[in-house]
N, C-alpha and C. Protein backbone atom coordinates (compact mmCIF):
# COMPACT_ATOMS: atom_id res chain seq x y z
N VAL A 1 -0.95 -1.31 -26.96
CA VAL A 1 -1.37 -1.28 -25.57
C VAL A 1 -2.87 -1.04 -25.53
N SER A 2 -3.58 -1.94 -24.93
CA SER A 2 -5.03 -1.83 -24.84
C SER A 2 -5.40 -1.01 -23.61
N GLN A 3 -6.37 -0.09 -23.76
CA GLN A 3 -6.81 0.73 -22.65
C GLN A 3 -8.31 0.97 -22.76
N SER A 4 -8.96 1.14 -21.63
CA SER A 4 -10.36 1.56 -21.59
C SER A 4 -10.38 2.96 -21.03
N ARG A 5 -11.05 3.87 -21.73
CA ARG A 5 -11.07 5.28 -21.33
C ARG A 5 -12.48 5.67 -20.89
N TYR A 6 -12.53 6.51 -19.85
CA TYR A 6 -13.81 6.93 -19.30
C TYR A 6 -13.83 8.44 -19.13
N GLY A 7 -14.96 9.03 -19.42
CA GLY A 7 -15.13 10.47 -19.25
C GLY A 7 -16.46 10.89 -19.83
N SER A 8 -16.66 12.18 -19.92
CA SER A 8 -17.89 12.70 -20.50
C SER A 8 -17.58 13.94 -21.30
N GLY A 9 -18.38 14.21 -22.28
CA GLY A 9 -18.20 15.41 -23.08
C GLY A 9 -16.88 15.44 -23.83
N GLY A 10 -16.34 14.27 -24.18
CA GLY A 10 -15.09 14.21 -24.91
C GLY A 10 -13.85 14.42 -24.05
N THR A 11 -14.04 14.54 -22.74
CA THR A 11 -12.90 14.75 -21.84
C THR A 11 -12.59 13.47 -21.10
N GLU A 12 -11.38 12.96 -21.31
CA GLU A 12 -10.95 11.75 -20.62
C GLU A 12 -10.68 12.07 -19.16
N ARG A 13 -11.23 11.28 -18.26
CA ARG A 13 -11.02 11.48 -16.83
C ARG A 13 -10.35 10.28 -16.16
N ALA A 14 -10.45 9.09 -16.76
CA ALA A 14 -9.84 7.90 -16.17
C ALA A 14 -9.52 6.91 -17.27
N THR A 15 -8.45 6.16 -17.06
CA THR A 15 -8.04 5.13 -18.00
C THR A 15 -7.68 3.88 -17.22
N ILE A 16 -8.19 2.75 -17.67
CA ILE A 16 -7.77 1.47 -17.12
C ILE A 16 -6.80 0.89 -18.14
N ARG A 17 -5.56 0.70 -17.72
CA ARG A 17 -4.51 0.27 -18.62
C ARG A 17 -4.47 -1.25 -18.74
N SER A 18 -3.90 -1.73 -19.82
CA SER A 18 -3.84 -3.17 -20.06
C SER A 18 -3.02 -3.90 -19.01
N ASN A 19 -2.14 -3.19 -18.30
CA ASN A 19 -1.36 -3.83 -17.25
C ASN A 19 -2.08 -3.85 -15.91
N GLY A 20 -3.35 -3.42 -15.90
CA GLY A 20 -4.14 -3.42 -14.67
C GLY A 20 -4.07 -2.11 -13.91
N GLY A 21 -3.23 -1.21 -14.36
CA GLY A 21 -3.10 0.08 -13.69
C GLY A 21 -4.27 0.99 -14.00
N ILE A 22 -4.51 1.92 -13.12
CA ILE A 22 -5.58 2.91 -13.31
C ILE A 22 -4.93 4.28 -13.28
N ALA A 23 -5.24 5.08 -14.28
CA ALA A 23 -4.79 6.47 -14.31
C ALA A 23 -6.05 7.33 -14.25
N ASN A 24 -6.09 8.24 -13.30
CA ASN A 24 -7.26 9.10 -13.24
C ASN A 24 -6.86 10.56 -13.19
N TYR A 25 -7.78 11.41 -13.56
CA TYR A 25 -7.55 12.84 -13.69
C TYR A 25 -7.15 13.48 -12.38
N SER A 26 -7.75 13.03 -11.31
CA SER A 26 -7.48 13.61 -10.01
C SER A 26 -7.43 12.50 -8.97
N ALA A 27 -6.52 12.61 -8.03
CA ALA A 27 -6.42 11.61 -6.97
C ALA A 27 -7.52 11.87 -5.95
N ASN A 28 -8.74 11.58 -6.33
CA ASN A 28 -9.89 11.87 -5.49
C ASN A 28 -10.54 10.61 -4.94
N ASN A 29 -9.78 9.52 -4.88
CA ASN A 29 -10.31 8.29 -4.31
C ASN A 29 -10.50 8.49 -2.81
N VAL A 30 -11.57 7.93 -2.29
CA VAL A 30 -11.85 8.10 -0.87
C VAL A 30 -12.15 6.76 -0.21
N ASN A 31 -11.89 6.70 1.08
CA ASN A 31 -12.24 5.56 1.91
C ASN A 31 -13.08 6.10 3.07
N LEU A 32 -14.15 5.42 3.38
CA LEU A 32 -15.00 5.83 4.49
C LEU A 32 -14.18 5.84 5.77
N SER A 33 -14.20 6.94 6.51
CA SER A 33 -13.39 7.06 7.71
C SER A 33 -14.12 7.76 8.85
N ASP A 34 -15.39 7.96 8.73
CA ASP A 34 -16.16 8.69 9.73
C ASP A 34 -16.18 7.92 11.05
N GLU A 35 -15.90 8.63 12.14
CA GLU A 35 -15.87 8.02 13.47
C GLU A 35 -17.19 7.32 13.80
N ARG A 36 -18.29 7.83 13.27
CA ARG A 36 -19.61 7.26 13.59
C ARG A 36 -19.79 5.86 13.02
N THR A 37 -18.90 5.43 12.15
CA THR A 37 -19.01 4.10 11.55
C THR A 37 -18.07 3.10 12.20
N LYS A 38 -17.36 3.52 13.26
CA LYS A 38 -16.32 2.68 13.85
C LYS A 38 -16.58 2.42 15.33
N LYS A 39 -16.03 1.32 15.83
CA LYS A 39 -16.09 1.02 17.26
C LYS A 39 -14.78 0.38 17.68
N TYR A 40 -14.58 0.23 18.98
CA TYR A 40 -13.35 -0.31 19.54
C TYR A 40 -12.12 0.43 19.01
N ILE A 41 -12.18 1.75 19.00
CA ILE A 41 -11.10 2.59 18.48
C ILE A 41 -9.98 2.68 19.51
N LYS A 42 -8.74 2.38 19.08
CA LYS A 42 -7.58 2.53 19.95
C LYS A 42 -6.37 2.82 19.08
N ASP A 43 -5.31 3.35 19.69
CA ASP A 43 -4.09 3.65 18.95
C ASP A 43 -3.46 2.37 18.43
N ALA A 44 -2.91 2.44 17.23
CA ALA A 44 -2.21 1.30 16.64
C ALA A 44 -0.88 1.10 17.35
N GLY A 45 -0.41 -0.12 17.35
CA GLY A 45 0.90 -0.43 17.90
C GLY A 45 2.00 0.05 16.96
N SER A 46 3.23 -0.27 17.30
CA SER A 46 4.38 0.15 16.52
C SER A 46 4.41 -0.52 15.14
N TYR A 47 4.77 0.26 14.14
CA TYR A 47 4.94 -0.28 12.79
C TYR A 47 6.32 0.00 12.22
N LEU A 48 7.13 0.79 12.91
CA LEU A 48 8.42 1.19 12.36
C LEU A 48 9.29 -0.01 12.01
N TYR A 49 9.46 -0.92 12.93
CA TYR A 49 10.35 -2.06 12.67
C TYR A 49 9.73 -3.03 11.67
N LYS A 50 8.41 -3.14 11.67
CA LYS A 50 7.75 -3.98 10.67
C LYS A 50 7.98 -3.41 9.27
N ILE A 51 7.74 -2.12 9.12
CA ILE A 51 7.90 -1.48 7.81
C ILE A 51 9.35 -1.59 7.35
N CYS A 52 10.29 -1.38 8.26
CA CYS A 52 11.71 -1.46 7.89
C CYS A 52 12.13 -2.87 7.50
N ALA A 53 11.39 -3.88 7.95
CA ALA A 53 11.73 -5.27 7.64
C ALA A 53 11.14 -5.74 6.30
N ILE A 54 10.29 -4.93 5.69
CA ILE A 54 9.66 -5.33 4.42
C ILE A 54 10.51 -4.84 3.26
N PRO A 55 11.05 -5.76 2.45
CA PRO A 55 11.84 -5.33 1.30
C PRO A 55 10.96 -4.65 0.25
N VAL A 56 11.47 -3.60 -0.33
CA VAL A 56 10.81 -2.95 -1.48
C VAL A 56 11.55 -3.45 -2.71
N ARG A 57 10.82 -3.99 -3.67
CA ARG A 57 11.40 -4.67 -4.82
C ARG A 57 11.04 -3.98 -6.13
N THR A 58 11.82 -4.25 -7.15
CA THR A 58 11.42 -3.95 -8.52
C THR A 58 11.18 -5.29 -9.19
N PHE A 59 10.26 -5.33 -10.16
CA PHE A 59 9.91 -6.60 -10.78
C PHE A 59 9.13 -6.37 -12.06
N LEU A 60 8.99 -7.43 -12.82
CA LEU A 60 8.08 -7.49 -13.97
C LEU A 60 7.05 -8.56 -13.66
N TYR A 61 5.80 -8.32 -14.02
CA TYR A 61 4.79 -9.36 -13.91
C TYR A 61 5.05 -10.40 -14.99
N LYS A 62 4.75 -11.66 -14.73
CA LYS A 62 5.03 -12.73 -15.69
C LYS A 62 4.34 -12.51 -17.03
N ASP A 63 3.14 -11.91 -17.01
CA ASP A 63 2.42 -11.68 -18.26
C ASP A 63 2.60 -10.26 -18.81
N GLN A 64 3.52 -9.51 -18.23
CA GLN A 64 3.75 -8.13 -18.65
C GLN A 64 4.40 -8.11 -20.03
N THR A 65 3.89 -7.27 -20.91
CA THR A 65 4.39 -7.22 -22.29
C THR A 65 5.41 -6.12 -22.52
N ASP A 66 5.59 -5.20 -21.58
CA ASP A 66 6.62 -4.18 -21.72
C ASP A 66 7.73 -4.48 -20.72
N ASP A 67 8.81 -3.71 -20.77
CA ASP A 67 9.92 -3.95 -19.86
C ASP A 67 10.06 -2.87 -18.80
N GLN A 68 8.98 -2.14 -18.54
CA GLN A 68 8.98 -1.10 -17.52
C GLN A 68 8.85 -1.75 -16.15
N LEU A 69 9.88 -1.57 -15.32
CA LEU A 69 9.88 -2.18 -14.00
C LEU A 69 8.78 -1.60 -13.12
N ASN A 70 8.20 -2.45 -12.31
CA ASN A 70 7.23 -2.04 -11.29
C ASN A 70 7.96 -1.97 -9.96
N LEU A 71 7.48 -1.11 -9.07
CA LEU A 71 8.04 -0.96 -7.74
C LEU A 71 6.98 -1.40 -6.75
N GLY A 72 7.34 -2.25 -5.83
CA GLY A 72 6.35 -2.69 -4.86
C GLY A 72 6.90 -3.71 -3.88
N VAL A 73 6.00 -4.41 -3.27
CA VAL A 73 6.35 -5.42 -2.27
C VAL A 73 5.81 -6.77 -2.71
N ILE A 74 6.30 -7.82 -2.08
CA ILE A 74 5.86 -9.18 -2.35
C ILE A 74 4.96 -9.60 -1.17
N ALA A 75 3.76 -10.01 -1.47
CA ALA A 75 2.78 -10.31 -0.42
C ALA A 75 3.30 -11.30 0.61
N GLN A 76 4.00 -12.33 0.17
CA GLN A 76 4.51 -13.34 1.11
C GLN A 76 5.55 -12.72 2.05
N GLU A 77 6.36 -11.77 1.56
CA GLU A 77 7.34 -11.12 2.42
C GLU A 77 6.67 -10.18 3.41
N VAL A 78 5.63 -9.51 2.99
CA VAL A 78 4.87 -8.65 3.90
C VAL A 78 4.17 -9.51 4.94
N GLU A 79 3.57 -10.60 4.50
CA GLU A 79 2.84 -11.50 5.40
C GLU A 79 3.73 -12.03 6.52
N ALA A 80 4.99 -12.29 6.23
CA ALA A 80 5.92 -12.81 7.24
C ALA A 80 6.16 -11.80 8.36
N VAL A 81 6.01 -10.52 8.06
CA VAL A 81 6.28 -9.45 9.02
C VAL A 81 5.01 -8.84 9.59
N ALA A 82 4.03 -8.60 8.72
CA ALA A 82 2.79 -7.92 9.10
C ALA A 82 1.61 -8.57 8.38
N PRO A 83 1.18 -9.73 8.83
CA PRO A 83 0.11 -10.45 8.13
C PRO A 83 -1.21 -9.67 8.03
N GLU A 84 -1.40 -8.70 8.92
CA GLU A 84 -2.63 -7.91 8.88
C GLU A 84 -2.70 -7.02 7.64
N LEU A 85 -1.59 -6.88 6.92
CA LEU A 85 -1.57 -6.06 5.71
C LEU A 85 -1.79 -6.87 4.44
N VAL A 86 -2.03 -8.19 4.59
CA VAL A 86 -2.15 -9.07 3.43
C VAL A 86 -3.53 -9.71 3.37
N ASP A 87 -4.12 -9.65 2.18
CA ASP A 87 -5.41 -10.31 1.92
C ASP A 87 -5.10 -11.69 1.36
N VAL A 88 -5.52 -12.73 2.06
CA VAL A 88 -5.26 -14.10 1.62
C VAL A 88 -6.51 -14.78 1.08
N SER A 89 -7.57 -14.00 0.86
CA SER A 89 -8.84 -14.59 0.42
C SER A 89 -8.85 -14.93 -1.06
N GLY A 90 -7.85 -14.50 -1.79
CA GLY A 90 -7.76 -14.82 -3.21
C GLY A 90 -8.01 -13.61 -4.08
N PHE A 91 -7.26 -13.55 -5.16
CA PHE A 91 -7.35 -12.44 -6.12
C PHE A 91 -7.35 -13.06 -7.50
N GLY A 92 -8.40 -12.80 -8.25
CA GLY A 92 -8.49 -13.39 -9.59
C GLY A 92 -8.62 -14.90 -9.52
N GLU A 93 -8.17 -15.55 -10.58
CA GLU A 93 -8.25 -17.01 -10.64
C GLU A 93 -7.18 -17.64 -9.77
N THR A 94 -7.54 -18.73 -9.10
CA THR A 94 -6.58 -19.46 -8.29
C THR A 94 -5.64 -20.23 -9.20
N PRO A 95 -4.33 -20.13 -8.96
CA PRO A 95 -3.36 -20.86 -9.79
C PRO A 95 -3.53 -22.37 -9.68
N GLU A 96 -2.82 -23.08 -10.54
CA GLU A 96 -2.92 -24.54 -10.59
C GLU A 96 -2.54 -25.21 -9.29
N ASP A 97 -1.68 -24.56 -8.48
CA ASP A 97 -1.25 -25.18 -7.22
C ASP A 97 -2.36 -25.16 -6.17
N GLY A 98 -3.49 -24.49 -6.46
CA GLY A 98 -4.63 -24.46 -5.55
C GLY A 98 -4.53 -23.44 -4.44
N VAL A 99 -3.44 -22.70 -4.37
CA VAL A 99 -3.26 -21.68 -3.34
C VAL A 99 -3.70 -20.34 -3.91
N PRO A 100 -4.71 -19.70 -3.30
CA PRO A 100 -5.19 -18.41 -3.83
C PRO A 100 -4.08 -17.37 -3.86
N LEU A 101 -4.15 -16.48 -4.84
CA LEU A 101 -3.19 -15.38 -4.94
C LEU A 101 -3.39 -14.42 -3.78
N LYS A 102 -2.30 -13.86 -3.29
CA LYS A 102 -2.35 -12.94 -2.15
C LYS A 102 -2.24 -11.51 -2.65
N ALA A 103 -2.83 -10.59 -1.92
CA ALA A 103 -2.83 -9.17 -2.29
C ALA A 103 -2.49 -8.34 -1.04
N ILE A 104 -2.12 -7.11 -1.28
CA ILE A 104 -1.78 -6.19 -0.20
C ILE A 104 -2.96 -5.24 0.05
N TYR A 105 -3.27 -5.01 1.32
CA TYR A 105 -4.22 -3.98 1.67
C TYR A 105 -3.48 -2.65 1.55
N GLN A 106 -3.54 -2.06 0.38
CA GLN A 106 -2.74 -0.88 0.05
C GLN A 106 -3.01 0.30 0.99
N THR A 107 -4.27 0.55 1.28
CA THR A 107 -4.61 1.67 2.17
C THR A 107 -4.06 1.42 3.57
N ASP A 108 -4.17 0.20 4.06
CA ASP A 108 -3.63 -0.11 5.39
C ASP A 108 -2.11 0.05 5.41
N LEU A 109 -1.46 -0.31 4.30
CA LEU A 109 -0.01 -0.13 4.20
C LEU A 109 0.34 1.36 4.30
N VAL A 110 -0.44 2.21 3.67
CA VAL A 110 -0.21 3.66 3.77
C VAL A 110 -0.32 4.11 5.22
N TYR A 111 -1.32 3.62 5.93
CA TYR A 111 -1.48 4.02 7.33
C TYR A 111 -0.34 3.48 8.20
N ALA A 112 0.17 2.29 7.88
CA ALA A 112 1.33 1.76 8.61
C ALA A 112 2.55 2.65 8.36
N LEU A 113 2.69 3.14 7.13
CA LEU A 113 3.78 4.07 6.83
C LEU A 113 3.62 5.36 7.61
N MET A 114 2.38 5.85 7.69
CA MET A 114 2.09 7.07 8.45
C MET A 114 2.45 6.87 9.92
N LYS A 115 2.09 5.73 10.47
CA LYS A 115 2.41 5.41 11.87
C LYS A 115 3.93 5.37 12.06
N SER A 116 4.65 4.81 11.09
CA SER A 116 6.11 4.75 11.17
C SER A 116 6.73 6.15 11.17
N ILE A 117 6.19 7.04 10.36
CA ILE A 117 6.68 8.42 10.33
C ILE A 117 6.46 9.08 11.69
N GLN A 118 5.30 8.84 12.29
CA GLN A 118 5.02 9.40 13.61
C GLN A 118 6.01 8.87 14.65
N GLU A 119 6.34 7.57 14.56
CA GLU A 119 7.30 6.98 15.48
C GLU A 119 8.69 7.60 15.29
N LEU A 120 9.09 7.79 14.03
CA LEU A 120 10.39 8.41 13.75
C LEU A 120 10.44 9.83 14.29
N LYS A 121 9.35 10.57 14.13
CA LYS A 121 9.31 11.94 14.64
C LYS A 121 9.45 11.95 16.16
N ALA A 122 8.80 11.03 16.83
CA ALA A 122 8.91 10.96 18.29
C ALA A 122 10.36 10.67 18.69
N GLU A 123 11.04 9.79 17.95
CA GLU A 123 12.45 9.50 18.24
C GLU A 123 13.31 10.73 18.01
N VAL A 124 13.09 11.44 16.91
CA VAL A 124 13.85 12.66 16.61
C VAL A 124 13.61 13.71 17.69
N ASP A 125 12.35 13.89 18.06
CA ASP A 125 12.03 14.87 19.11
C ASP A 125 12.73 14.52 20.42
N SER A 126 12.77 13.25 20.76
CA SER A 126 13.43 12.81 21.99
C SER A 126 14.93 13.08 21.92
N LEU A 127 15.53 12.77 20.79
CA LEU A 127 16.97 13.02 20.62
C LEU A 127 17.29 14.53 20.66
N LYS A 128 16.43 15.34 20.06
CA LYS A 128 16.61 16.79 20.11
C LYS A 128 16.55 17.28 21.56
N ALA A 129 15.59 16.77 22.32
CA ALA A 129 15.45 17.18 23.71
C ALA A 129 16.69 16.79 24.51
N GLN A 130 17.23 15.60 24.25
CA GLN A 130 18.46 15.18 24.94
C GLN A 130 19.62 16.10 24.59
N LEU A 131 19.75 16.47 23.32
CA LEU A 131 20.81 17.38 22.90
C LEU A 131 20.67 18.74 23.55
N ASN A 132 19.44 19.24 23.59
CA ASN A 132 19.19 20.56 24.18
C ASN A 132 19.46 20.56 25.68
N ASN A 133 19.16 19.46 26.33
CA ASN A 133 19.40 19.38 27.79
C ASN A 133 20.88 19.24 28.11
N GLY A 134 21.63 18.67 27.17
CA GLY A 134 23.04 18.49 27.40
C GLY A 134 23.89 19.65 26.92
N ALA A 135 23.27 20.59 26.20
CA ALA A 135 24.04 21.70 25.63
C ALA A 135 24.31 22.82 26.58
């Protein structure tokens, strides 16, 4: 298994694995989120039913050399439900069919999951209130 290791002073802090995965010492990745960098801010619409419609799959990559299953989604299946979560601009080399490879906006998917949890909580709170009023 080929890996590239990064660190200083003999201490490994990050590894880029041959399967394209990244392992790092601390989950300290950040995305710029300061309000001062944004405009046209409004609440997102519902994501609960979209998220529930996206199948979660296990799979092997075609060029994968081990048999460890990966867990994830298929970009085309996500695109059918929530195209805003899919990058269609191309990833890596374009295959022979001329159609660029599709990728998932992973951070946006996390926020869609967060929105779905908020929606579920609102439903639970509503059901609790109905039970309390009827008790």
